[in-house]
Amino acid sequence: MTATTLATLEQQQQTLAAALFATRATPADPTPLDATLARPWAMGLAAYRANAHATAARALAAAYPVLRALLGPDSFDSLSRAYWHHAPPQRGDLAHWGATLAAFLEADAQLADTPYLADVARVEWGLHRAASAADGEAAPASFALLAQHAPERLRLRLAPGTALYTSRWPVASMILAHQTDPPDLREAAARLHAGVGETVRIWREGLRPRLRAIQSSDAQRLSAALAGASLQTVIEAAEGGAEAALAWISEGIREGWVLGLEPDPGEEPTPHPLA
């Protein structure tokens, strides 16, 4: 293959990619591909582009089922096409595509009357990530570290995929309402109308991603733990002291989002004064 042939092939590959991710051209505004490919290729490109749009819609629907239900199938498919051109996938596995959809929704002036959609998308992406997060192994024996380290020198080890989202809207209620068949939206609609915000914890229970609206005290503790704060800081992050924090940690152990304890990196064992 000559250098000229290679250059021509590279040009065709570049124009193919540009045409695939370009918005639909009008006859007065042809794509650069028109000057490069013959008509049969152009017809094939149209079919390939249509298939790409359908694939994009299916990929986003898998990650954002509630958003699709809220928008309706036709509007969601239009959103998928627009997002495909705005943020083309950068890797072959489309399960990893869609992380910036919430920001894309926020920037869409047509959706200004439904600002809660972006937060629904954020939480759904958190659920999508939790579903494919690495498995975390519980280590109940690690709580014996309290005999070797002061709480200031320990950290909670959380399960991969555990996340926290705070919204001005009742996003947990809206998503959970769509998990019943048929969806019962009465409570979620009432909370939305009343302007009730919710803070959401996401975790994985077995192979199933879960979410729950939580109280501010639980959110404060989880926020500290997610930031890598010490166990002592987590205990002091909300009212109730050690007793309330112990109940919160016990809940996390039962549900699987607290895996155990670990010392701060580089810390030498320091016996707890009460050990």
C-alpha atoms as a PDB file:
ATOM      1  CA  MET A   1       0.000   0.000   0.000  1.00  0.00           C
ATOM      2  CA  THR A   2       1.520   3.296  -1.117  1.00  0.00           C
ATOM      3  CA  ALA A   3       1.790   6.466   0.950  1.00  0.00           C
ATOM      4  CA  THR A   4      -0.825   8.082  -1.308  1.00  0.00           C
ATOM      5  CA  THR A   5      -3.240   5.199  -0.735  1.00  0.00           C
ATOM      6  CA  LEU A   6      -2.685   5.377   3.019  1.00  0.00           C
ATOM      7  CA  ALA A   7      -3.330   9.119   3.013  1.00  0.00           C
ATOM      8  CA  THR A   8      -6.543   8.625   1.037  1.00  0.00           C
ATOM      9  CA  LEU A   9      -7.707   5.867   3.403  1.00  0.00           C
ATOM     10  CA  GLU A  10      -6.964   8.042   6.425  1.00  0.00           C
ATOM     11  CA  GLN A  11      -8.928  10.918   4.873  1.00  0.00           C
ATOM     12  CA  GLN A  12     -11.891   8.632   4.228  1.00  0.00           C
ATOM     13  CA  GLN A  13     -11.789   7.341   7.810  1.00  0.00           C
ATOM     14  CA  GLN A  14     -11.730  10.881   9.162  1.00  0.00           C
ATOM     15  CA  THR A  15     -14.604  12.051   6.984  1.00  0.00           C
ATOM     16  CA  LEU A  16     -16.597   8.933   7.860  1.00  0.00           C
ATOM     17  CA  ALA A  17     -16.217   9.661  11.562  1.00  0.00           C
ATOM     18  CA  ALA A  18     -17.101  13.325  11.027  1.00  0.00           C
ATOM     19  CA  ALA A  19     -20.209  12.414   9.066  1.00  0.00           C
ATOM     20  CA  LEU A  20     -21.329   9.784  11.546  1.00  0.00           C
ATOM     21  CA  PHE A  21     -21.268  12.198  14.465  1.00  0.00           C
ATOM     22  CA  ALA A  22     -22.460  15.239  12.515  1.00  0.00           C
ATOM     23  CA  THR A  23     -26.024  16.423  12.770  1.00  0.00           C
ATOM     24  CA  ARG A  24     -28.176  15.650   9.751  1.00  0.00           C
ATOM     25  CA  ALA A  25     -27.127  17.758   6.763  1.00  0.00           C
ATOM     26  CA  THR A  26     -29.492  19.533   4.403  1.00  0.00           C
ATOM     27  CA  PRO A  27     -29.030  19.526   0.597  1.00  0.00           C
ATOM     28  CA  ALA A  28     -27.720  23.092   0.880  1.00  0.00           C
ATOM     29  CA  ASP A  29     -25.303  22.030   3.581  1.00  0.00           C
ATOM     30  CA  PRO A  30     -23.677  18.765   2.467  1.00  0.00           C
ATOM     31  CA  THR A  31     -21.251  16.906   4.690  1.00  0.00           C
ATOM     32  CA  PRO A  32     -17.578  16.635   3.655  1.00  0.00           C
ATOM     33  CA  LEU A  33     -18.255  12.980   2.941  1.00  0.00           C
ATOM     34  CA  ASP A  34     -20.239  13.884  -0.190  1.00  0.00           C
ATOM     35  CA  ALA A  35     -17.007  14.885  -1.932  1.00  0.00           C
ATOM     36  CA  THR A  36     -15.203  11.748  -0.834  1.00  0.00           C
ATOM     37  CA  LEU A  37     -17.602   8.831  -1.149  1.00  0.00           C
ATOM     38  CA  ALA A  38     -19.769   7.641  -4.016  1.00  0.00           C
ATOM     39  CA  ARG A  39     -23.577   7.565  -3.708  1.00  0.00           C
ATOM     40  CA  PRO A  40     -23.806   3.892  -2.576  1.00  0.00           C
ATOM     41  CA  TRP A  41     -21.454   4.728   0.279  1.00  0.00           C
ATOM     42  CA  ALA A  42     -23.613   7.712   1.206  1.00  0.00           C
ATOM     43  CA  MET A  43     -26.685   5.486   1.346  1.00  0.00           C
ATOM     44  CA  GLY A  44     -24.808   3.031   3.520  1.00  0.00           C
ATOM     45  CA  LEU A  45     -23.677   5.848   5.770  1.00  0.00           C
ATOM     46  CA  ALA A  46     -27.278   6.984   6.246  1.00  0.00           C
ATOM     47  CA  ALA A  47     -28.243   3.476   7.337  1.00  0.00           C
ATOM     48  CA  TYR A  48     -25.196   3.233   9.588  1.00  0.00           C
ATOM     49  CA  ARG A  49     -25.968   6.603  11.173  1.00  0.00           C
ATOM     50  CA  ALA A  50     -29.590   5.582  11.785  1.00  0.00           C
ATOM     51  CA  ASN A  51     -28.373   2.390  13.436  1.00  0.00           C
ATOM     52  CA  ALA A  52     -25.964   4.416  15.570  1.00  0.00           C
ATOM     53  CA  HIS A  53     -28.837   6.611  16.758  1.00  0.00           C
ATOM     54  CA  ALA A  54     -30.906   3.552  17.664  1.00  0.00           C
ATOM     55  CA  THR A  55     -27.951   2.048  19.503  1.00  0.00           C
ATOM     56  CA  ALA A  56     -27.451   5.305  21.402  1.00  0.00           C
ATOM     57  CA  ALA A  57     -31.097   5.343  22.468  1.00  0.00           C
ATOM     58  CA  ARG A  58     -30.905   1.747  23.706  1.00  0.00           C
ATOM     59  CA  ALA A  59     -27.677   2.387  25.611  1.00  0.00           C
ATOM     60  CA  LEU A  60     -29.046   5.464  27.367  1.00  0.00           C
ATOM     61  CA  ALA A  61     -32.374   3.766  28.088  1.00  0.00           C
ATOM     62  CA  ALA A  62     -30.513   0.996  29.923  1.00  0.00           C
ATOM     63  CA  ALA A  63     -28.838   3.555  32.189  1.00  0.00           C
ATOM     64  CA  TYR A  64     -31.733   6.023  32.457  1.00  0.00           C
ATOM     65  CA  PRO A  65     -35.045   4.098  32.476  1.00  0.00           C
ATOM     66  CA  VAL A  66     -36.845   6.577  34.739  1.00  0.00           C
ATOM     67  CA  LEU A  67     -35.675   9.560  32.704  1.00  0.00           C
ATOM     68  CA  ARG A  68     -37.046   7.817  29.611  1.00  0.00           C
ATOM     69  CA  ALA A  69     -40.371   7.241  31.354  1.00  0.00           C
ATOM     70  CA  LEU A  70     -40.569  10.892  32.422  1.00  0.00           C
ATOM     71  CA  LEU A  71     -39.748  12.243  28.963  1.00  0.00           C
ATOM     72  CA  GLY A  72     -41.629   9.660  26.924  1.00  0.00           C
ATOM     73  CA  PRO A  73     -40.047   7.354  24.310  1.00  0.00           C
ATOM     74  CA  ASP A  74     -40.083   9.829  21.401  1.00  0.00           C
ATOM     75  CA  SER A  75     -38.595  12.738  23.345  1.00  0.00           C
ATOM     76  CA  PHE A  76     -36.021  10.426  24.909  1.00  0.00           C
ATOM     77  CA  ASP A  77     -34.954   9.137  21.494  1.00  0.00           C
ATOM     78  CA  SER A  78     -34.538  12.732  20.294  1.00  0.00           C
ATOM     79  CA  LEU A  79     -32.490  13.485  23.399  1.00  0.00           C
ATOM     80  CA  SER A  80     -30.321  10.427  22.730  1.00  0.00           C
ATOM     81  CA  ARG A  81     -29.560  11.586  19.181  1.00  0.00           C
ATOM     82  CA  ALA A  82     -28.715  15.103  20.322  1.00  0.00           C
ATOM     83  CA  TYR A  83     -26.476  13.804  23.090  1.00  0.00           C
ATOM     84  CA  TRP A  84     -24.778  11.365  20.687  1.00  0.00           C
ATOM     85  CA  HIS A  85     -23.681  14.295  18.529  1.00  0.00           C
ATOM     86  CA  HIS A  86     -22.807  16.460  21.538  1.00  0.00           C
ATOM     87  CA  ALA A  87     -20.716  13.854  23.371  1.00  0.00           C
ATOM     88  CA  PRO A  88     -19.836  10.911  21.105  1.00  0.00           C
ATOM     89  CA  PRO A  89     -18.709   7.748  22.917  1.00  0.00           C
ATOM     90  CA  GLN A  90     -14.964   7.540  23.420  1.00  0.00           C
ATOM     91  CA  ARG A  91     -14.794   3.766  23.894  1.00  0.00           C
ATOM     92  CA  GLY A  92     -16.431   0.736  22.370  1.00  0.00           C
ATOM     93  CA  ASP A  93     -18.434  -0.320  25.424  1.00  0.00           C
ATOM     94  CA  LEU A  94     -21.496   1.944  25.416  1.00  0.00           C
ATOM     95  CA  ALA A  95     -22.287   0.914  28.988  1.00  0.00           C
ATOM     96  CA  HIS A  96     -19.682   3.520  29.975  1.00  0.00           C
ATOM     97  CA  TRP A  97     -21.242   6.249  27.828  1.00  0.00           C
ATOM     98  CA  GLY A  98     -23.645   8.799  29.290  1.00  0.00           C
ATOM     99  CA  ALA A  99     -21.836  10.180  32.338  1.00  0.00           C
ATOM    100  CA  THR A 100     -22.344  13.817  31.301  1.00  0.00           C
ATOM    101  CA  LEU A 101     -26.007  13.551  30.363  1.00  0.00           C
ATOM    102  CA  ALA A 102     -27.143  15.395  33.513  1.00  0.00           C
ATOM    103  CA  ALA A 103     -25.035  18.431  32.612  1.00  0.00           C
ATOM    104  CA  PHE A 104     -26.353  18.245  29.044  1.00  0.00           C
ATOM    105  CA  LEU A 105     -29.921  18.338  30.371  1.00  0.00           C
ATOM    106  CA  GLU A 106     -29.148  21.323  32.587  1.00  0.00           C
ATOM    107  CA  ALA A 107     -27.832  23.261  29.603  1.00  0.00           C
ATOM    108  CA  ASP A 108     -30.918  22.569  27.462  1.00  0.00           C
ATOM    109  CA  ALA A 109     -33.168  25.638  27.534  1.00  0.00           C
ATOM    110  CA  GLN A 110     -36.103  23.531  26.324  1.00  0.00           C
ATOM    111  CA  LEU A 111     -36.052  21.670  29.655  1.00  0.00           C
ATOM    112  CA  ALA A 112     -35.973  24.760  31.863  1.00  0.00           C
ATOM    113  CA  ASP A 113     -39.484  23.972  33.118  1.00  0.00           C
ATOM    114  CA  THR A 114     -38.389  20.522  34.327  1.00  0.00           C
ATOM    115  CA  PRO A 115     -35.156  21.216  36.242  1.00  0.00           C
ATOM    116  CA  TYR A 116     -35.522  18.041  38.288  1.00  0.00           C
ATOM    117  CA  LEU A 117     -34.700  15.896  35.240  1.00  0.00           C
ATOM    118  CA  ALA A 118     -30.975  16.600  35.582  1.00  0.00           C
ATOM    119  CA  ASP A 119     -30.932  15.384  39.189  1.00  0.00           C
ATOM    120  CA  VAL A 120     -32.922  12.292  38.248  1.00  0.00           C
ATOM    121  CA  ALA A 121     -30.250  11.614  35.637  1.00  0.00           C
ATOM    122  CA  ARG A 122     -27.454  12.084  38.178  1.00  0.00           C
ATOM    123  CA  VAL A 123     -28.968   9.571  40.561  1.00  0.00           C
ATOM    124  CA  GLU A 124     -29.718   7.097  37.782  1.00  0.00           C
ATOM    125  CA  TRP A 125     -26.117   7.296  36.605  1.00  0.00           C
ATOM    126  CA  GLY A 126     -25.045   6.594  40.189  1.00  0.00           C
ATOM    127  CA  LEU A 127     -27.244   3.492  40.169  1.00  0.00           C
ATOM    128  CA  HIS A 128     -25.792   2.497  36.797  1.00  0.00           C
ATOM    129  CA  ARG A 129     -22.246   2.841  38.136  1.00  0.00           C
ATOM    130  CA  ALA A 130     -23.085   0.920  41.297  1.00  0.00           C
ATOM    131  CA  ALA A 131     -24.430  -1.966  39.222  1.00  0.00           C
ATOM    132  CA  SER A 132     -21.036  -2.439  37.560  1.00  0.00           C
ATOM    133  CA  ALA A 133     -18.850  -1.504  40.534  1.00  0.00           C
ATOM    134  CA  ALA A 134     -16.198  -3.917  41.720  1.00  0.00           C
ATOM    135  CA  ASP A 135     -17.211  -6.450  44.319  1.00  0.00           C
ATOM    136  CA  GLY A 136     -16.249  -5.497  47.851  1.00  0.00           C
ATOM    137  CA  GLU A 137     -15.502  -8.143  50.459  1.00  0.00           C
ATOM    138  CA  ALA A 138     -16.815  -7.551  53.952  1.00  0.00           C
ATOM    139  CA  ALA A 139     -14.182  -7.770  56.683  1.00  0.00           C
ATOM    140  CA  PRO A 140     -15.984  -7.900  60.040  1.00  0.00           C
ATOM    141  CA  ALA A 141     -12.768  -8.924  61.781  1.00  0.00           C
ATOM    142  CA  SER A 142     -11.306  -5.527  60.877  1.00  0.00           C
ATOM    143  CA  PHE A 143     -13.302  -3.917  63.695  1.00  0.00           C
ATOM    144  CA  ALA A 144     -10.739  -5.487  66.026  1.00  0.00           C
ATOM    145  CA  LEU A 145      -8.470  -2.666  64.823  1.00  0.00           C
ATOM    146  CA  LEU A 146     -10.171  -0.524  67.453  1.00  0.00           C
ATOM    147  CA  ALA A 147      -7.986  -2.356  69.971  1.00  0.00           C
ATOM    148  CA  GLN A 148      -4.844  -1.199  68.137  1.00  0.00           C
ATOM    149  CA  HIS A 149      -5.743   2.252  66.842  1.00  0.00           C
ATOM    150  CA  ALA A 150      -7.582   5.251  68.190  1.00  0.00           C
ATOM    151  CA  PRO A 151     -10.670   6.255  66.155  1.00  0.00           C
ATOM    152  CA  GLU A 152      -8.719   9.265  64.871  1.00  0.00           C
ATOM    153  CA  ARG A 153      -6.374   6.807  63.115  1.00  0.00           C
ATOM    154  CA  LEU A 154      -9.041   4.641  61.479  1.00  0.00           C
ATOM    155  CA  ARG A 155     -11.326   5.018  58.498  1.00  0.00           C
ATOM    156  CA  LEU A 156     -14.492   3.263  57.419  1.00  0.00           C
ATOM    157  CA  ARG A 157     -14.097   1.139  54.308  1.00  0.00           C
ATOM    158  CA  LEU A 158     -17.153   1.563  52.107  1.00  0.00           C
ATOM    159  CA  ALA A 159     -18.313  -0.751  49.342  1.00  0.00           C
ATOM    160  CA  PRO A 160     -17.455   0.320  45.776  1.00  0.00           C
ATOM    161  CA  GLY A 161     -20.342   2.159  44.155  1.00  0.00           C
ATOM    162  CA  THR A 162     -21.589   3.715  47.394  1.00  0.00           C
ATOM    163  CA  ALA A 163     -22.549   7.318  46.652  1.00  0.00           C
ATOM    164  CA  LEU A 164     -24.420  10.314  48.023  1.00  0.00           C
ATOM    165  CA  TYR A 165     -26.556  12.826  46.119  1.00  0.00           C
ATOM    166  CA  THR A 166     -28.385  15.868  47.444  1.00  0.00           C
ATOM    167  CA  SER A 167     -31.189  17.366  45.374  1.00  0.00           C
ATOM    168  CA  ARG A 168     -33.727  20.173  45.665  1.00  0.00           C
ATOM    169  CA  TRP A 169     -36.216  17.671  44.256  1.00  0.00           C
ATOM    170  CA  PRO A 170     -37.697  14.373  45.531  1.00  0.00           C
ATOM    171  CA  VAL A 171     -35.513  12.301  43.230  1.00  0.00           C
ATOM    172  CA  ALA A 172     -35.554   9.139  45.346  1.00  0.00           C
ATOM    173  CA  SER A 173     -39.342   9.197  45.522  1.00  0.00           C
ATOM    174  CA  MET A 174     -39.588   9.735  41.759  1.00  0.00           C
ATOM    175  CA  ILE A 175     -37.230   6.874  40.916  1.00  0.00           C
ATOM    176  CA  LEU A 176     -38.676   4.438  43.450  1.00  0.00           C
ATOM    177  CA  ALA A 177     -42.197   5.205  42.230  1.00  0.00           C
ATOM    178  CA  HIS A 178     -41.217   3.929  38.789  1.00  0.00           C
ATOM    179  CA  GLN A 179     -39.988   0.621  40.223  1.00  0.00           C
ATOM    180  CA  THR A 180     -43.542  -0.546  40.875  1.00  0.00           C
ATOM    181  CA  ASP A 181     -45.749  -1.998  38.164  1.00  0.00           C
ATOM    182  CA  PRO A 182     -47.694   0.036  37.342  1.00  0.00           C
ATOM    183  CA  PRO A 183     -45.834   3.090  38.677  1.00  0.00           C
ATOM    184  CA  ASP A 184     -47.558   4.839  41.575  1.00  0.00           C
ATOM    185  CA  LEU A 185     -46.575   8.480  41.223  1.00  0.00           C
ATOM    186  CA  ARG A 186     -49.032  10.064  43.637  1.00  0.00           C
ATOM    187  CA  GLU A 187     -46.656  10.529  46.576  1.00  0.00           C
ATOM    188  CA  ALA A 188     -43.744  11.572  44.362  1.00  0.00           C
ATOM    189  CA  ALA A 189     -45.959  14.088  42.554  1.00  0.00           C
ATOM    190  CA  ALA A 190     -47.161  15.544  45.850  1.00  0.00           C
ATOM    191  CA  ARG A 191     -43.588  15.936  47.105  1.00  0.00           C
ATOM    192  CA  LEU A 192     -42.520  17.478  43.807  1.00  0.00           C
ATOM    193  CA  HIS A 193     -45.407  19.954  43.937  1.00  0.00           C
ATOM    194  CA  ALA A 194     -44.483  20.845  47.530  1.00  0.00           C
ATOM    195  CA  GLY A 195     -40.842  21.433  46.593  1.00  0.00           C
ATOM    196  CA  VAL A 196     -39.499  18.740  48.917  1.00  0.00           C
ATOM    197  CA  GLY A 197     -35.832  17.960  48.367  1.00  0.00           C
ATOM    198  CA  GLU A 198     -34.206  14.616  49.129  1.00  0.00           C
ATOM    199  CA  THR A 199     -30.735  13.348  49.882  1.00  0.00           C
ATOM    200  CA  VAL A 200     -30.088   9.926  48.402  1.00  0.00           C
ATOM    201  CA  ARG A 201     -27.742   7.126  49.361  1.00  0.00           C
ATOM    202  CA  ILE A 202     -26.832   4.643  46.631  1.00  0.00           C
ATOM    203  CA  TRP A 203     -25.250   1.287  47.260  1.00  0.00           C
ATOM    204  CA  ARG A 204     -25.307  -2.241  45.906  1.00  0.00           C
ATOM    205  CA  GLU A 205     -27.011  -5.054  47.751  1.00  0.00           C
ATOM    206  CA  GLY A 206     -25.745  -8.269  46.230  1.00  0.00           C
ATOM    207  CA  LEU A 207     -25.941  -7.625  42.496  1.00  0.00           C
ATOM    208  CA  ARG A 208     -28.767  -5.109  42.749  1.00  0.00           C
ATOM    209  CA  PRO A 209     -28.150  -1.348  42.975  1.00  0.00           C
ATOM    210  CA  ARG A 210     -30.296   0.270  45.648  1.00  0.00           C
ATOM    211  CA  LEU A 211     -31.203   3.797  46.692  1.00  0.00           C
ATOM    212  CA  ARG A 212     -32.868   5.368  49.689  1.00  0.00           C
ATOM    213  CA  ALA A 213     -33.744   8.863  50.822  1.00  0.00           C
ATOM    214  CA  ILE A 214     -31.854   9.508  54.061  1.00  0.00           C
ATOM    215  CA  GLN A 215     -31.914  12.017  56.888  1.00  0.00           C
ATOM    216  CA  SER A 216     -29.439  14.886  57.094  1.00  0.00           C
ATOM    217  CA  SER A 217     -27.548  13.264  59.988  1.00  0.00           C
ATOM    218  CA  ASP A 218     -26.964  10.098  57.964  1.00  0.00           C
ATOM    219  CA  ALA A 219     -25.913  12.207  54.992  1.00  0.00           C
ATOM    220  CA  GLN A 220     -23.394  14.120  57.106  1.00  0.00           C
ATOM    221  CA  ARG A 221     -21.781  10.902  58.328  1.00  0.00           C
ATOM    222  CA  LEU A 222     -21.720   9.345  54.874  1.00  0.00           C
ATOM    223  CA  SER A 223     -20.293  12.496  53.314  1.00  0.00           C
ATOM    224  CA  ALA A 224     -17.442  12.435  55.821  1.00  0.00           C
ATOM    225  CA  ALA A 225     -16.796   8.729  55.242  1.00  0.00           C
ATOM    226  CA  LEU A 226     -16.801   9.124  51.446  1.00  0.00           C
ATOM    227  CA  ALA A 227     -14.276  11.943  51.800  1.00  0.00           C
ATOM    228  CA  GLY A 228     -11.927   9.573  53.644  1.00  0.00           C
ATOM    229  CA  ALA A 229     -12.342  11.232  57.038  1.00  0.00           C
ATOM    230  CA  SER A 230     -11.329   9.437  60.196  1.00  0.00           C
ATOM    231  CA  LEU A 231     -13.775   7.334  62.161  1.00  0.00           C
ATOM    232  CA  GLN A 232     -13.691   9.984  64.879  1.00  0.00           C
ATOM    233  CA  THR A 233     -14.665  12.673  62.369  1.00  0.00           C
ATOM    234  CA  VAL A 234     -17.506  10.496  61.086  1.00  0.00           C
ATOM    235  CA  ILE A 235     -18.762  10.039  64.651  1.00  0.00           C
ATOM    236  CA  GLU A 236     -18.673  13.790  65.237  1.00  0.00           C
ATOM    237  CA  ALA A 237     -20.162  14.709  61.849  1.00  0.00           C
ATOM    238  CA  ALA A 238     -23.733  14.645  63.178  1.00  0.00           C
ATOM    239  CA  GLU A 239     -25.583  14.863  66.451  1.00  0.00           C
ATOM    240  CA  GLY A 240     -26.028  11.763  68.572  1.00  0.00           C
ATOM    241  CA  GLY A 241     -22.394  10.969  69.229  1.00  0.00           C
ATOM    242  CA  ALA A 242     -20.949   7.475  69.279  1.00  0.00           C
ATOM    243  CA  GLU A 243     -24.254   5.728  69.989  1.00  0.00           C
ATOM    244  CA  ALA A 244     -26.011   7.165  66.933  1.00  0.00           C
ATOM    245  CA  ALA A 245     -22.920   6.605  64.792  1.00  0.00           C
ATOM    246  CA  LEU A 246     -22.736   2.967  65.922  1.00  0.00           C
ATOM    247  CA  ALA A 247     -26.366   2.427  64.902  1.00  0.00           C
ATOM    248  CA  TRP A 248     -25.614   4.009  61.524  1.00  0.00           C
ATOM    249  CA  ILE A 249     -22.523   1.832  61.002  1.00  0.00           C
ATOM    250  CA  SER A 250     -24.480  -1.271  62.023  1.00  0.00           C
ATOM    251  CA  GLU A 251     -27.089  -0.441  59.395  1.00  0.00           C
ATOM    252  CA  GLY A 252     -24.329  -0.109  56.827  1.00  0.00           C
ATOM    253  CA  ILE A 253     -22.916  -3.510  57.762  1.00  0.00           C
ATOM    254  CA  ARG A 254     -26.329  -5.161  57.441  1.00  0.00           C
ATOM    255  CA  GLU A 255     -27.021  -3.565  54.066  1.00  0.00           C
ATOM    256  CA  GLY A 256     -23.508  -4.140  52.749  1.00  0.00           C
ATOM    257  CA  TRP A 257     -22.236  -0.622  52.133  1.00  0.00           C
ATOM    258  CA  VAL A 258     -19.905  -0.658  55.155  1.00  0.00           C
ATOM    259  CA  LEU A 259     -17.258  -3.346  54.667  1.00  0.00           C
ATOM    260  CA  GLY A 260     -15.075  -2.722  57.691  1.00  0.00           C
ATOM    261  CA  LEU A 261     -12.332  -0.522  59.096  1.00  0.00           C
ATOM    262  CA  GLU A 262      -8.854   0.273  57.870  1.00  0.00           C
ATOM    263  CA  PRO A 263      -5.993   2.297  59.358  1.00  0.00           C
ATOM    264  CA  ASP A 264      -4.931   5.547  57.778  1.00  0.00           C
ATOM    265  CA  PRO A 265      -2.068   4.851  55.355  1.00  0.00           C
ATOM    266  CA  GLY A 266       1.289   5.044  57.083  1.00  0.00           C
ATOM    267  CA  GLU A 267      -0.121   4.998  60.587  1.00  0.00           C
ATOM    268  CA  GLU A 268       1.630   2.933  63.229  1.00  0.00           C
ATOM    269  CA  PRO A 269      -0.561   1.014  65.670  1.00  0.00           C
ATOM    270  CA  THR A 270      -1.610   3.229  68.578  1.00  0.00           C
ATOM    271  CA  PRO A 271      -3.509   1.372  71.297  1.00  0.00           C
ATOM    272  CA  HIS A 272      -6.892   2.886  71.997  1.00  0.00           C
ATOM    273  CA  PRO A 273      -6.864   4.304  75.551  1.00  0.00           C
ATOM    274  CA  LEU A 274     -10.013   2.330  76.371  1.00  0.00           C
ATOM    275  CA  ALA A 275      -8.761  -0.951  74.907  1.00  0.00           C
END
